[in-house]
Structures are given as structure tokens and as C-alpha cells.
mmCIF file of all heavy atoms, coordinates in Angstrom:
data_MODEL
# 
_entry.id   MODEL 
# 
loop_
_atom_site.group_PDB 
_atom_site.id 
_atom_site.type_symbol 
_atom_site.label_atom_id 
_atom_site.label_alt_id 
_atom_site.label_comp_id 
_atom_site.label_asym_id 
_atom_site.label_entity_id 
_atom_site.label_seq_id 
_atom_site.pdbx_PDB_ins_code 
_atom_site.Cartn_x 
_atom_site.Cartn_y 
_atom_site.Cartn_z 
_atom_site.occupancy 
_atom_site.B_iso_or_equiv 
_atom_site.pdbx_formal_charge 
_atom_site.auth_seq_id 
_atom_site.auth_comp_id 
_atom_site.auth_asym_id 
_atom_site.auth_atom_id 
_atom_site.pdbx_PDB_model_num 
ATOM 1   N N   . THR A 1 1  ? 13.915 -3.370 8.921  1.00 0.00 ? 1  THR A N   1 
ATOM 2   C CA  . THR A 1 1  ? 12.804 -3.459 9.870  1.00 0.00 ? 1  THR A CA  1 
ATOM 3   C C   . THR A 1 1  ? 12.558 -2.170 10.656 1.00 0.00 ? 1  THR A C   1 
ATOM 4   O O   . THR A 1 1  ? 11.427 -1.724 10.775 1.00 0.00 ? 1  THR A O   1 
ATOM 5   C CB  . THR A 1 1  ? 13.015 -4.625 10.864 1.00 0.00 ? 1  THR A CB  1 
ATOM 6   O OG1 . THR A 1 1  ? 14.269 -4.443 11.528 1.00 0.00 ? 1  THR A OG1 1 
ATOM 7   C CG2 . THR A 1 1  ? 12.981 -5.960 10.147 1.00 0.00 ? 1  THR A CG2 1 
ATOM 8   N N   . ASP A 1 2  ? 13.624 -1.577 11.188 1.00 0.00 ? 2  ASP A N   1 
ATOM 9   C CA  . ASP A 1 2  ? 13.465 -0.375 12.009 1.00 0.00 ? 2  ASP A CA  1 
ATOM 10  C C   . ASP A 1 2  ? 13.145 0.858  11.171 1.00 0.00 ? 2  ASP A C   1 
ATOM 11  O O   . ASP A 1 2  ? 12.280 1.655  11.528 1.00 0.00 ? 2  ASP A O   1 
ATOM 12  C CB  . ASP A 1 2  ? 14.736 -0.092 12.822 1.00 0.00 ? 2  ASP A CB  1 
ATOM 13  C CG  . ASP A 1 2  ? 15.003 -1.146 13.877 1.00 0.00 ? 2  ASP A CG  1 
ATOM 14  O OD1 . ASP A 1 2  ? 14.039 -1.768 14.350 1.00 0.00 ? 2  ASP A OD1 1 
ATOM 15  O OD2 . ASP A 1 2  ? 16.179 -1.347 14.227 1.00 0.00 ? 2  ASP A OD2 1 
ATOM 16  N N   . LEU A 1 3  ? 13.851 1.014  10.051 1.00 0.00 ? 3  LEU A N   1 
ATOM 17  C CA  . LEU A 1 3  ? 13.691 2.227  9.247  1.00 0.00 ? 3  LEU A CA  1 
ATOM 18  C C   . LEU A 1 3  ? 12.274 2.424  8.715  1.00 0.00 ? 3  LEU A C   1 
ATOM 19  O O   . LEU A 1 3  ? 11.751 3.534  8.798  1.00 0.00 ? 3  LEU A O   1 
ATOM 20  C CB  . LEU A 1 3  ? 14.728 2.260  8.128  1.00 0.00 ? 3  LEU A CB  1 
ATOM 21  C CG  . LEU A 1 3  ? 15.278 3.621  7.761  1.00 0.00 ? 3  LEU A CG  1 
ATOM 22  C CD1 . LEU A 1 3  ? 15.670 4.444  8.973  1.00 0.00 ? 3  LEU A CD1 1 
ATOM 23  C CD2 . LEU A 1 3  ? 16.437 3.503  6.804  1.00 0.00 ? 3  LEU A CD2 1 
ATOM 24  N N   . PRO A 1 4  ? 11.613 1.384  8.203  1.00 0.00 ? 4  PRO A N   1 
ATOM 25  C CA  . PRO A 1 4  ? 10.230 1.595  7.755  1.00 0.00 ? 4  PRO A CA  1 
ATOM 26  C C   . PRO A 1 4  ? 9.306  2.071  8.877  1.00 0.00 ? 4  PRO A C   1 
ATOM 27  O O   . PRO A 1 4  ? 8.457  2.943  8.659  1.00 0.00 ? 4  PRO A O   1 
ATOM 28  C CB  . PRO A 1 4  ? 9.802  0.216  7.243  1.00 0.00 ? 4  PRO A CB  1 
ATOM 29  C CG  . PRO A 1 4  ? 11.075 -0.441 6.837  1.00 0.00 ? 4  PRO A CG  1 
ATOM 30  C CD  . PRO A 1 4  ? 12.105 0.055  7.828  1.00 0.00 ? 4  PRO A CD  1 
ATOM 31  N N   . ARG A 1 5  ? 9.496  1.551  10.080 1.00 0.00 ? 5  ARG A N   1 
ATOM 32  C CA  . ARG A 1 5  ? 8.667  1.996  11.221 1.00 0.00 ? 5  ARG A CA  1 
ATOM 33  C C   . ARG A 1 5  ? 8.974  3.444  11.581 1.00 0.00 ? 5  ARG A C   1 
ATOM 34  O O   . ARG A 1 5  ? 8.071  4.219  11.898 1.00 0.00 ? 5  ARG A O   1 
ATOM 35  C CB  . ARG A 1 5  ? 8.904  1.099  12.451 1.00 0.00 ? 5  ARG A CB  1 
ATOM 36  C CG  . ARG A 1 5  ? 8.399  -0.314 12.270 1.00 0.00 ? 5  ARG A CG  1 
ATOM 37  C CD  . ARG A 1 5  ? 8.574  -1.175 13.507 1.00 0.00 ? 5  ARG A CD  1 
ATOM 38  N NE  . ARG A 1 5  ? 9.903  -1.015 14.078 1.00 0.00 ? 5  ARG A NE  1 
ATOM 39  C CZ  . ARG A 1 5  ? 10.170 -0.988 15.379 1.00 0.00 ? 5  ARG A CZ  1 
ATOM 40  N NH1 . ARG A 1 5  ? 9.218  -1.100 16.260 1.00 0.00 ? 5  ARG A NH1 1 
ATOM 41  N NH2 . ARG A 1 5  ? 11.403 -0.841 15.817 1.00 0.00 ? 5  ARG A NH2 1 
ATOM 42  N N   . ILE A 1 6  ? 10.248 3.804  11.533 1.00 0.00 ? 6  ILE A N   1 
ATOM 43  C CA  . ILE A 1 6  ? 10.649 5.178  11.846 1.00 0.00 ? 6  ILE A CA  1 
ATOM 44  C C   . ILE A 1 6  ? 10.070 6.136  10.809 1.00 0.00 ? 6  ILE A C   1 
ATOM 45  O O   . ILE A 1 6  ? 9.505  7.178  11.154 1.00 0.00 ? 6  ILE A O   1 
ATOM 46  C CB  . ILE A 1 6  ? 12.186 5.287  11.942 1.00 0.00 ? 6  ILE A CB  1 
ATOM 47  C CG1 . ILE A 1 6  ? 12.689 4.536  13.178 1.00 0.00 ? 6  ILE A CG1 1 
ATOM 48  C CG2 . ILE A 1 6  ? 12.633 6.745  11.973 1.00 0.00 ? 6  ILE A CG2 1 
ATOM 49  C CD1 . ILE A 1 6  ? 14.196 4.339  13.237 1.00 0.00 ? 6  ILE A CD1 1 
ATOM 50  N N   . VAL A 1 7  ? 10.188 5.784  9.521  1.00 0.00 ? 7  VAL A N   1 
ATOM 51  C CA  . VAL A 1 7  ? 9.669  6.644  8.448  1.00 0.00 ? 7  VAL A CA  1 
ATOM 52  C C   . VAL A 1 7  ? 8.158  6.797  8.562  1.00 0.00 ? 7  VAL A C   1 
ATOM 53  O O   . VAL A 1 7  ? 7.624  7.905  8.421  1.00 0.00 ? 7  VAL A O   1 
ATOM 54  C CB  . VAL A 1 7  ? 10.080 6.098  7.055  1.00 0.00 ? 7  VAL A CB  1 
ATOM 55  C CG1 . VAL A 1 7  ? 9.351  6.847  5.942  1.00 0.00 ? 7  VAL A CG1 1 
ATOM 56  C CG2 . VAL A 1 7  ? 11.586 6.203  6.873  1.00 0.00 ? 7  VAL A CG2 1 
ATOM 57  N N   . LYS A 1 8  ? 7.465  5.714  8.862  1.00 0.00 ? 8  LYS A N   1 
ATOM 58  C CA  . LYS A 1 8  ? 6.003  5.773  9.011  1.00 0.00 ? 8  LYS A CA  1 
ATOM 59  C C   . LYS A 1 8  ? 5.623  6.728  10.138 1.00 0.00 ? 8  LYS A C   1 
ATOM 60  O O   . LYS A 1 8  ? 4.716  7.555  10.001 1.00 0.00 ? 8  LYS A O   1 
ATOM 61  C CB  . LYS A 1 8  ? 5.450  4.371  9.275  1.00 0.00 ? 8  LYS A CB  1 
ATOM 62  C CG  . LYS A 1 8  ? 3.950  4.310  9.344  1.00 0.00 ? 8  LYS A CG  1 
ATOM 63  C CD  . LYS A 1 8  ? 3.460  2.889  9.531  1.00 0.00 ? 8  LYS A CD  1 
ATOM 64  C CE  . LYS A 1 8  ? 1.951  2.862  9.602  1.00 0.00 ? 8  LYS A CE  1 
ATOM 65  N NZ  . LYS A 1 8  ? 1.436  1.517  9.803  1.00 0.00 ? 8  LYS A NZ  1 
ATOM 66  N N   . ARG A 1 9  ? 6.314  6.626  11.247 1.00 0.00 ? 9  ARG A N   1 
ATOM 67  C CA  . ARG A 1 9  ? 6.034  7.489  12.403 1.00 0.00 ? 9  ARG A CA  1 
ATOM 68  C C   . ARG A 1 9  ? 6.368  8.949  12.094 1.00 0.00 ? 9  ARG A C   1 
ATOM 69  O O   . ARG A 1 9  ? 5.625  9.857  12.458 1.00 0.00 ? 9  ARG A O   1 
ATOM 70  C CB  . ARG A 1 9  ? 6.825  6.991  13.602 1.00 0.00 ? 9  ARG A CB  1 
ATOM 71  C CG  . ARG A 1 9  ? 6.678  7.805  14.848 1.00 0.00 ? 9  ARG A CG  1 
ATOM 72  C CD  . ARG A 1 9  ? 5.517  7.324  15.721 1.00 0.00 ? 9  ARG A CD  1 
ATOM 73  N NE  . ARG A 1 9  ? 5.583  7.989  16.991 1.00 0.00 ? 9  ARG A NE  1 
ATOM 74  C CZ  . ARG A 1 9  ? 6.222  7.504  18.061 1.00 0.00 ? 9  ARG A CZ  1 
ATOM 75  N NH1 . ARG A 1 9  ? 6.789  6.322  18.021 1.00 0.00 ? 9  ARG A NH1 1 
ATOM 76  N NH2 . ARG A 1 9  ? 6.270  8.202  19.163 1.00 0.00 ? 9  ARG A NH2 1 
ATOM 77  N N   . ILE A 1 10 ? 7.486  9.181  11.396 1.00 0.00 ? 10 ILE A N   1 
ATOM 78  C CA  . ILE A 1 10 ? 7.867  10.535 10.988 1.00 0.00 ? 10 ILE A CA  1 
ATOM 79  C C   . ILE A 1 10 ? 6.774  11.127 10.109 1.00 0.00 ? 10 ILE A C   1 
ATOM 80  O O   . ILE A 1 10 ? 6.346  12.259 10.307 1.00 0.00 ? 10 ILE A O   1 
ATOM 81  C CB  . ILE A 1 10 ? 9.223  10.530 10.250 1.00 0.00 ? 10 ILE A CB  1 
ATOM 82  C CG1 . ILE A 1 10 ? 10.366 10.287 11.237 1.00 0.00 ? 10 ILE A CG1 1 
ATOM 83  C CG2 . ILE A 1 10 ? 9.436  11.825 9.469  1.00 0.00 ? 10 ILE A CG2 1 
ATOM 84  C CD1 . ILE A 1 10 ? 11.693 9.977  10.574 1.00 0.00 ? 10 ILE A CD1 1 
ATOM 85  N N   . ASN A 1 11 ? 6.337  10.350 9.121  1.00 0.00 ? 11 ASN A N   1 
ATOM 86  C CA  . ASN A 1 11 ? 5.308  10.829 8.199  1.00 0.00 ? 11 ASN A CA  1 
ATOM 87  C C   . ASN A 1 11 ? 4.027  11.199 8.944  1.00 0.00 ? 11 ASN A C   1 
ATOM 88  O O   . ASN A 1 11 ? 3.400  12.214 8.631  1.00 0.00 ? 11 ASN A O   1 
ATOM 89  C CB  . ASN A 1 11 ? 5.025  9.784  7.124  1.00 0.00 ? 11 ASN A CB  1 
ATOM 90  C CG  . ASN A 1 11 ? 6.131  9.690  6.096  1.00 0.00 ? 11 ASN A CG  1 
ATOM 91  O OD1 . ASN A 1 11 ? 6.946  10.590 5.956  1.00 0.00 ? 11 ASN A OD1 1 
ATOM 92  N ND2 . ASN A 1 11 ? 6.174  8.595  5.374  1.00 0.00 ? 11 ASN A ND2 1 
ATOM 93  N N   . THR A 1 12 ? 3.666  10.402 9.931  1.00 0.00 ? 12 THR A N   1 
ATOM 94  C CA  . THR A 1 12 ? 2.457  10.668 10.715 1.00 0.00 ? 12 THR A CA  1 
ATOM 95  C C   . THR A 1 12 ? 2.622  11.910 11.583 1.00 0.00 ? 12 THR A C   1 
ATOM 96  O O   . THR A 1 12 ? 1.792  12.816 11.560 1.00 0.00 ? 12 THR A O   1 
ATOM 97  C CB  . THR A 1 12 ? 2.120  9.445  11.604 1.00 0.00 ? 12 THR A CB  1 
ATOM 98  O OG1 . THR A 1 12 ? 1.920  8.318  10.759 1.00 0.00 ? 12 THR A OG1 1 
ATOM 99  C CG2 . THR A 1 12 ? 0.872  9.701  12.428 1.00 0.00 ? 12 THR A CG2 1 
ATOM 100 N N   . GLU A 1 13 ? 3.701  11.966 12.339 1.00 0.00 ? 13 GLU A N   1 
ATOM 101 C CA  . GLU A 1 13 ? 3.884  13.059 13.302 1.00 0.00 ? 13 GLU A CA  1 
ATOM 102 C C   . GLU A 1 13 ? 4.144  14.415 12.650 1.00 0.00 ? 13 GLU A C   1 
ATOM 103 O O   . GLU A 1 13 ? 3.715  15.437 13.160 1.00 0.00 ? 13 GLU A O   1 
ATOM 104 C CB  . GLU A 1 13 ? 5.004  12.716 14.282 1.00 0.00 ? 13 GLU A CB  1 
ATOM 105 C CG  . GLU A 1 13 ? 4.572  11.645 15.259 1.00 0.00 ? 13 GLU A CG  1 
ATOM 106 C CD  . GLU A 1 13 ? 5.384  11.625 16.529 1.00 0.00 ? 13 GLU A CD  1 
ATOM 107 O OE1 . GLU A 1 13 ? 6.002  12.638 16.887 1.00 0.00 ? 13 GLU A OE1 1 
ATOM 108 O OE2 . GLU A 1 13 ? 5.387  10.573 17.179 1.00 0.00 ? 13 GLU A OE2 1 
ATOM 109 N N   . PHE A 1 14 ? 4.871  14.410 11.543 1.00 0.00 ? 14 PHE A N   1 
ATOM 110 C CA  . PHE A 1 14 ? 5.199  15.677 10.887 1.00 0.00 ? 14 PHE A CA  1 
ATOM 111 C C   . PHE A 1 14 ? 4.235  16.012 9.751  1.00 0.00 ? 14 PHE A C   1 
ATOM 112 O O   . PHE A 1 14 ? 4.355  17.063 9.131  1.00 0.00 ? 14 PHE A O   1 
ATOM 113 C CB  . PHE A 1 14 ? 6.634  15.655 10.354 1.00 0.00 ? 14 PHE A CB  1 
ATOM 114 C CG  . PHE A 1 14 ? 7.680  15.666 11.441 1.00 0.00 ? 14 PHE A CG  1 
ATOM 115 C CD1 . PHE A 1 14 ? 8.325  14.496 11.812 1.00 0.00 ? 14 PHE A CD1 1 
ATOM 116 C CD2 . PHE A 1 14 ? 8.018  16.844 12.086 1.00 0.00 ? 14 PHE A CD2 1 
ATOM 117 C CE1 . PHE A 1 14 ? 9.296  14.500 12.804 1.00 0.00 ? 14 PHE A CE1 1 
ATOM 118 C CE2 . PHE A 1 14 ? 8.991  16.860 13.080 1.00 0.00 ? 14 PHE A CE2 1 
ATOM 119 C CZ  . PHE A 1 14 ? 9.626  15.680 13.441 1.00 0.00 ? 14 PHE A CZ  1 
ATOM 120 N N   . GLU A 1 15 ? 3.310  15.087 9.481  1.00 0.00 ? 15 GLU A N   1 
ATOM 121 C CA  . GLU A 1 15 ? 2.334  15.254 8.395  1.00 0.00 ? 15 GLU A CA  1 
ATOM 122 C C   . GLU A 1 15 ? 3.025  15.544 7.070  1.00 0.00 ? 15 GLU A C   1 
ATOM 123 O O   . GLU A 1 15 ? 2.718  16.509 6.364  1.00 0.00 ? 15 GLU A O   1 
ATOM 124 C CB  . GLU A 1 15 ? 1.316  16.338 8.737  1.00 0.00 ? 15 GLU A CB  1 
ATOM 125 C CG  . GLU A 1 15 ? 0.508  15.996 9.973  1.00 0.00 ? 15 GLU A CG  1 
ATOM 126 C CD  . GLU A 1 15 ? -0.491 17.070 10.358 1.00 0.00 ? 15 GLU A CD  1 
ATOM 127 O OE1 . GLU A 1 15 ? -0.450 18.187 9.806  1.00 0.00 ? 15 GLU A OE1 1 
ATOM 128 O OE2 . GLU A 1 15 ? -1.326 16.776 11.224 1.00 0.00 ? 15 GLU A OE2 1 
ATOM 129 N N   . ILE A 1 16 ? 4.009  14.693 6.765  1.00 0.00 ? 16 ILE A N   1 
ATOM 130 C CA  . ILE A 1 16 ? 4.758  14.790 5.512  1.00 0.00 ? 16 ILE A CA  1 
ATOM 131 C C   . ILE A 1 16 ? 4.767  13.401 4.870  1.00 0.00 ? 16 ILE A C   1 
ATOM 132 O O   . ILE A 1 16 ? 4.255  12.441 5.447  1.00 0.00 ? 16 ILE A O   1 
ATOM 133 C CB  . ILE A 1 16 ? 6.211  15.277 5.745  1.00 0.00 ? 16 ILE A CB  1 
ATOM 134 C CG1 . ILE A 1 16 ? 6.965  14.335 6.697  1.00 0.00 ? 16 ILE A CG1 1 
ATOM 135 C CG2 . ILE A 1 16 ? 6.229  16.706 6.248  1.00 0.00 ? 16 ILE A CG2 1 
ATOM 136 C CD1 . ILE A 1 16 ? 8.436  14.662 6.870  1.00 0.00 ? 16 ILE A CD1 1 
ATOM 137 N N   . VAL A 1 17 ? 5.376  13.309 3.694  1.00 0.00 ? 17 VAL A N   1 
ATOM 138 C CA  . VAL A 1 17 ? 5.514  12.016 3.034  1.00 0.00 ? 17 VAL A CA  1 
ATOM 139 C C   . VAL A 1 17 ? 6.968  11.832 2.597  1.00 0.00 ? 17 VAL A C   1 
ATOM 140 O O   . VAL A 1 17 ? 7.390  12.374 1.588  1.00 0.00 ? 17 VAL A O   1 
ATOM 141 C CB  . VAL A 1 17 ? 4.569  11.890 1.811  1.00 0.00 ? 17 VAL A CB  1 
ATOM 142 C CG1 . VAL A 1 17 ? 4.748  10.531 1.146  1.00 0.00 ? 17 VAL A CG1 1 
ATOM 143 C CG2 . VAL A 1 17 ? 3.130  12.111 2.218  1.00 0.00 ? 17 VAL A CG2 1 
ATOM 144 N N   . LEU A 1 18 ? 7.707  11.098 3.423  1.00 0.00 ? 18 LEU A N   1 
ATOM 145 C CA  . LEU A 1 18 ? 9.072  10.726 3.053  1.00 0.00 ? 18 LEU A CA  1 
ATOM 146 C C   . LEU A 1 18 ? 8.999  9.376  2.363  1.00 0.00 ? 18 LEU A C   1 
ATOM 147 O O   . LEU A 1 18 ? 8.286  8.485  2.817  1.00 0.00 ? 18 LEU A O   1 
ATOM 148 C CB  . LEU A 1 18 ? 9.971  10.601 4.283  1.00 0.00 ? 18 LEU A CB  1 
ATOM 149 C CG  . LEU A 1 18 ? 10.311 11.861 5.069  1.00 0.00 ? 18 LEU A CG  1 
ATOM 150 C CD1 . LEU A 1 18 ? 11.288 11.511 6.183  1.00 0.00 ? 18 LEU A CD1 1 
ATOM 151 C CD2 . LEU A 1 18 ? 10.896 12.935 4.183  1.00 0.00 ? 18 LEU A CD2 1 
ATOM 152 N N   . ASP A 1 19 ? 9.740  9.224  1.294  1.00 0.00 ? 19 ASP A N   1 
ATOM 153 C CA  . ASP A 1 19 ? 9.795  7.967  0.569  1.00 0.00 ? 19 ASP A CA  1 
ATOM 154 C C   . ASP A 1 19 ? 10.792 7.038  1.257  1.00 0.00 ? 19 ASP A C   1 
ATOM 155 O O   . ASP A 1 19 ? 11.949 7.394  1.443  1.00 0.00 ? 19 ASP A O   1 
ATOM 156 C CB  . ASP A 1 19 ? 10.217 8.234  -0.873 1.00 0.00 ? 19 ASP A CB  1 
ATOM 157 C CG  . ASP A 1 19 ? 10.287 6.961  -1.681 1.00 0.00 ? 19 ASP A CG  1 
ATOM 158 O OD1 . ASP A 1 19 ? 9.234  6.542  -2.187 1.00 0.00 ? 19 ASP A OD1 1 
ATOM 159 O OD2 . ASP A 1 19 ? 11.391 6.397  -1.784 1.00 0.00 ? 19 ASP A OD2 1 
ATOM 160 N N   . GLN A 1 20 ? 10.328 5.838  1.642  1.00 0.00 ? 20 GLN A N   1 
ATOM 161 C CA  . GLN A 1 20 ? 11.192 4.902  2.363  1.00 0.00 ? 20 GLN A CA  1 
ATOM 162 C C   . GLN A 1 20 ? 12.432 4.525  1.565  1.00 0.00 ? 20 GLN A C   1 
ATOM 163 O O   . GLN A 1 20 ? 13.515 4.420  2.116  1.00 0.00 ? 20 GLN A O   1 
ATOM 164 C CB  . GLN A 1 20 ? 10.417 3.637  2.720  1.00 0.00 ? 20 GLN A CB  1 
ATOM 165 C CG  . GLN A 1 20 ? 9.565  3.819  3.947  1.00 0.00 ? 20 GLN A CG  1 
ATOM 166 C CD  . GLN A 1 20 ? 8.860  2.545  4.330  1.00 0.00 ? 20 GLN A CD  1 
ATOM 167 O OE1 . GLN A 1 20 ? 7.668  2.460  4.180  1.00 0.00 ? 20 GLN A OE1 1 
ATOM 168 N NE2 . GLN A 1 20 ? 9.570  1.572  4.815  1.00 0.00 ? 20 GLN A NE2 1 
ATOM 169 N N   . LYS A 1 21 ? 12.280 4.315  0.269  1.00 0.00 ? 21 LYS A N   1 
ATOM 170 C CA  . LYS A 1 21 ? 13.432 3.930  -0.548 1.00 0.00 ? 21 LYS A CA  1 
ATOM 171 C C   . LYS A 1 21 ? 14.457 5.054  -0.587 1.00 0.00 ? 21 LYS A C   1 
ATOM 172 O O   . LYS A 1 21 ? 15.655 4.801  -0.552 1.00 0.00 ? 21 LYS A O   1 
ATOM 173 C CB  . LYS A 1 21 ? 12.983 3.551  -1.961 1.00 0.00 ? 21 LYS A CB  1 
ATOM 174 C CG  . LYS A 1 21 ? 12.264 2.226  -1.994 1.00 0.00 ? 21 LYS A CG  1 
ATOM 175 C CD  . LYS A 1 21 ? 11.828 1.847  -3.387 1.00 0.00 ? 21 LYS A CD  1 
ATOM 176 C CE  . LYS A 1 21 ? 11.079 0.527  -3.316 1.00 0.00 ? 21 LYS A CE  1 
ATOM 177 N NZ  . LYS A 1 21 ? 10.237 0.301  -4.475 1.00 0.00 ? 21 LYS A NZ  1 
ATOM 178 N N   . MET A 1 22 ? 13.980 6.291  -0.656 1.00 0.00 ? 22 MET A N   1 
ATOM 179 C CA  . MET A 1 22 ? 14.890 7.430  -0.668 1.00 0.00 ? 22 MET A CA  1 
ATOM 180 C C   . MET A 1 22 ? 15.630 7.528  0.663  1.00 0.00 ? 22 MET A C   1 
ATOM 181 O O   . MET A 1 22 ? 16.837 7.773  0.697  1.00 0.00 ? 22 MET A O   1 
ATOM 182 C CB  . MET A 1 22 ? 14.125 8.738  -0.935 1.00 0.00 ? 22 MET A CB  1 
ATOM 183 C CG  . MET A 1 22 ? 15.044 9.929  -1.150 1.00 0.00 ? 22 MET A CG  1 
ATOM 184 S SD  . MET A 1 22 ? 14.196 11.503 -1.326 1.00 0.00 ? 22 MET A SD  1 
ATOM 185 C CE  . MET A 1 22 ? 13.227 11.223 -2.779 1.00 0.00 ? 22 MET A CE  1 
ATOM 186 N N   . VAL A 1 23 ? 14.913 7.311  1.750  1.00 0.00 ? 23 VAL A N   1 
ATOM 187 C CA  . VAL A 1 23 ? 15.544 7.340  3.072  1.00 0.00 ? 23 VAL A CA  1 
ATOM 188 C C   . VAL A 1 23 ? 16.605 6.244  3.158  1.00 0.00 ? 23 VAL A C   1 
ATOM 189 O O   . VAL A 1 23 ? 17.720 6.479  3.622  1.00 0.00 ? 23 VAL A O   1 
ATOM 190 C CB  . VAL A 1 23 ? 14.491 7.193  4.192  1.00 0.00 ? 23 VAL A CB  1 
ATOM 191 C CG1 . VAL A 1 23 ? 15.161 7.018  5.542  1.00 0.00 ? 23 VAL A CG1 1 
ATOM 192 C CG2 . VAL A 1 23 ? 13.554 8.395  4.213  1.00 0.00 ? 23 VAL A CG2 1 
ATOM 193 N N   . LEU A 1 24 ? 16.276 5.051  2.676  1.00 0.00 ? 24 LEU A N   1 
ATOM 194 C CA  . LEU A 1 24 ? 17.219 3.934  2.712  1.00 0.00 ? 24 LEU A CA  1 
ATOM 195 C C   . LEU A 1 24 ? 18.500 4.227  1.936  1.00 0.00 ? 24 LEU A C   1 
ATOM 196 O O   . LEU A 1 24 ? 19.588 3.864  2.378  1.00 0.00 ? 24 LEU A O   1 
ATOM 197 C CB  . LEU A 1 24 ? 16.574 2.676  2.111  1.00 0.00 ? 24 LEU A CB  1 
ATOM 198 C CG  . LEU A 1 24 ? 15.868 1.746  3.082  1.00 0.00 ? 24 LEU A CG  1 
ATOM 199 C CD1 . LEU A 1 24 ? 15.084 0.687  2.328  1.00 0.00 ? 24 LEU A CD1 1 
ATOM 200 C CD2 . LEU A 1 24 ? 16.833 1.098  4.047  1.00 0.00 ? 24 LEU A CD2 1 
ATOM 201 N N   . THR A 1 25 ? 18.373 4.894  0.800  1.00 0.00 ? 25 THR A N   1 
ATOM 202 C CA  . THR A 1 25 ? 19.539 5.111  -0.050 1.00 0.00 ? 25 THR A CA  1 
ATOM 203 C C   . THR A 1 25 ? 20.293 6.405  0.258  1.00 0.00 ? 25 THR A C   1 
ATOM 204 O O   . THR A 1 25 ? 21.487 6.493  0.000  1.00 0.00 ? 25 THR A O   1 
ATOM 205 C CB  . THR A 1 25 ? 19.152 5.111  -1.541 1.00 0.00 ? 25 THR A CB  1 
ATOM 206 O OG1 . THR A 1 25 ? 18.176 6.120  -1.772 1.00 0.00 ? 25 THR A OG1 1 
ATOM 207 C CG2 . THR A 1 25 ? 18.615 3.768  -1.963 1.00 0.00 ? 25 THR A CG2 1 
ATOM 208 N N   . GLU A 1 26 ? 19.612 7.414  0.811  1.00 0.00 ? 26 GLU A N   1 
ATOM 209 C CA  . GLU A 1 26 ? 20.243 8.723  0.974  1.00 0.00 ? 26 GLU A CA  1 
ATOM 210 C C   . GLU A 1 26 ? 20.575 9.116  2.405  1.00 0.00 ? 26 GLU A C   1 
ATOM 211 O O   . GLU A 1 26 ? 21.283 10.082 2.630  1.00 0.00 ? 26 GLU A O   1 
ATOM 212 C CB  . GLU A 1 26 ? 19.348 9.803  0.351  1.00 0.00 ? 26 GLU A CB  1 
ATOM 213 C CG  . GLU A 1 26 ? 19.189 9.648  -1.145 1.00 0.00 ? 26 GLU A CG  1 
ATOM 214 C CD  . GLU A 1 26 ? 18.348 10.745 -1.764 1.00 0.00 ? 26 GLU A CD  1 
ATOM 215 O OE1 . GLU A 1 26 ? 18.139 11.795 -1.120 1.00 0.00 ? 26 GLU A OE1 1 
ATOM 216 O OE2 . GLU A 1 26 ? 17.893 10.540 -2.901 1.00 0.00 ? 26 GLU A OE2 1 
ATOM 217 N N   . VAL A 1 27 ? 20.062 8.387  3.370  1.00 0.00 ? 27 VAL A N   1 
ATOM 218 C CA  . VAL A 1 27 ? 20.247 8.791  4.773  1.00 0.00 ? 27 VAL A CA  1 
ATOM 219 C C   . VAL A 1 27 ? 21.253 7.872  5.466  1.00 0.00 ? 27 VAL A C   1 
ATOM 220 O O   . VAL A 1 27 ? 21.100 6.659  5.461  1.00 0.00 ? 27 VAL A O   1 
ATOM 221 C CB  . VAL A 1 27 ? 18.885 8.766  5.519  1.00 0.00 ? 27 VAL A CB  1 
ATOM 222 C CG1 . VAL A 1 27 ? 19.093 8.961  7.011  1.00 0.00 ? 27 VAL A CG1 1 
ATOM 223 C CG2 . VAL A 1 27 ? 17.960 9.833  4.968  1.00 0.00 ? 27 VAL A CG2 1 
ATOM 224 N N   . GLU A 1 28 ? 22.257 8.500  6.054  1.00 0.00 ? 28 GLU A N   1 
ATOM 225 C CA  . GLU A 1 28 ? 23.243 7.748  6.816  1.00 0.00 ? 28 GLU A CA  1 
ATOM 226 C C   . GLU A 1 28 ? 23.235 8.172  8.292  1.00 0.00 ? 28 GLU A C   1 
ATOM 227 O O   . GLU A 1 28 ? 23.366 7.345  9.186  1.00 0.00 ? 28 GLU A O   1 
ATOM 228 C CB  . GLU A 1 28 ? 24.632 7.964  6.227  1.00 0.00 ? 28 GLU A CB  1 
ATOM 229 C CG  . GLU A 1 28 ? 25.692 7.116  6.880  1.00 0.00 ? 28 GLU A CG  1 
ATOM 230 C CD  . GLU A 1 28 ? 27.027 7.207  6.165  1.00 0.00 ? 28 GLU A CD  1 
ATOM 231 O OE1 . GLU A 1 28 ? 27.049 7.299  4.931  1.00 0.00 ? 28 GLU A OE1 1 
ATOM 232 O OE2 . GLU A 1 28 ? 28.055 7.195  6.874  1.00 0.00 ? 28 GLU A OE2 1 
# 
């Protein structure tokens, strides 16, 4: 629940496209 909202906000603020699945599997 939290991570998708964080990734969406990151993508908006930094004008980038992070893949949510990649963040879920690679970020600790």
C-alpha cells in the first residue's frame, strides 16, 4: 500500500519512471 504511493510521488516529483515491481523486489 505505501510503496506504490511513494513510487508514484517520486515519479511525479523527479519526472522519472521507476517501475513499482522493480522497487518492490530490489529496494530494501
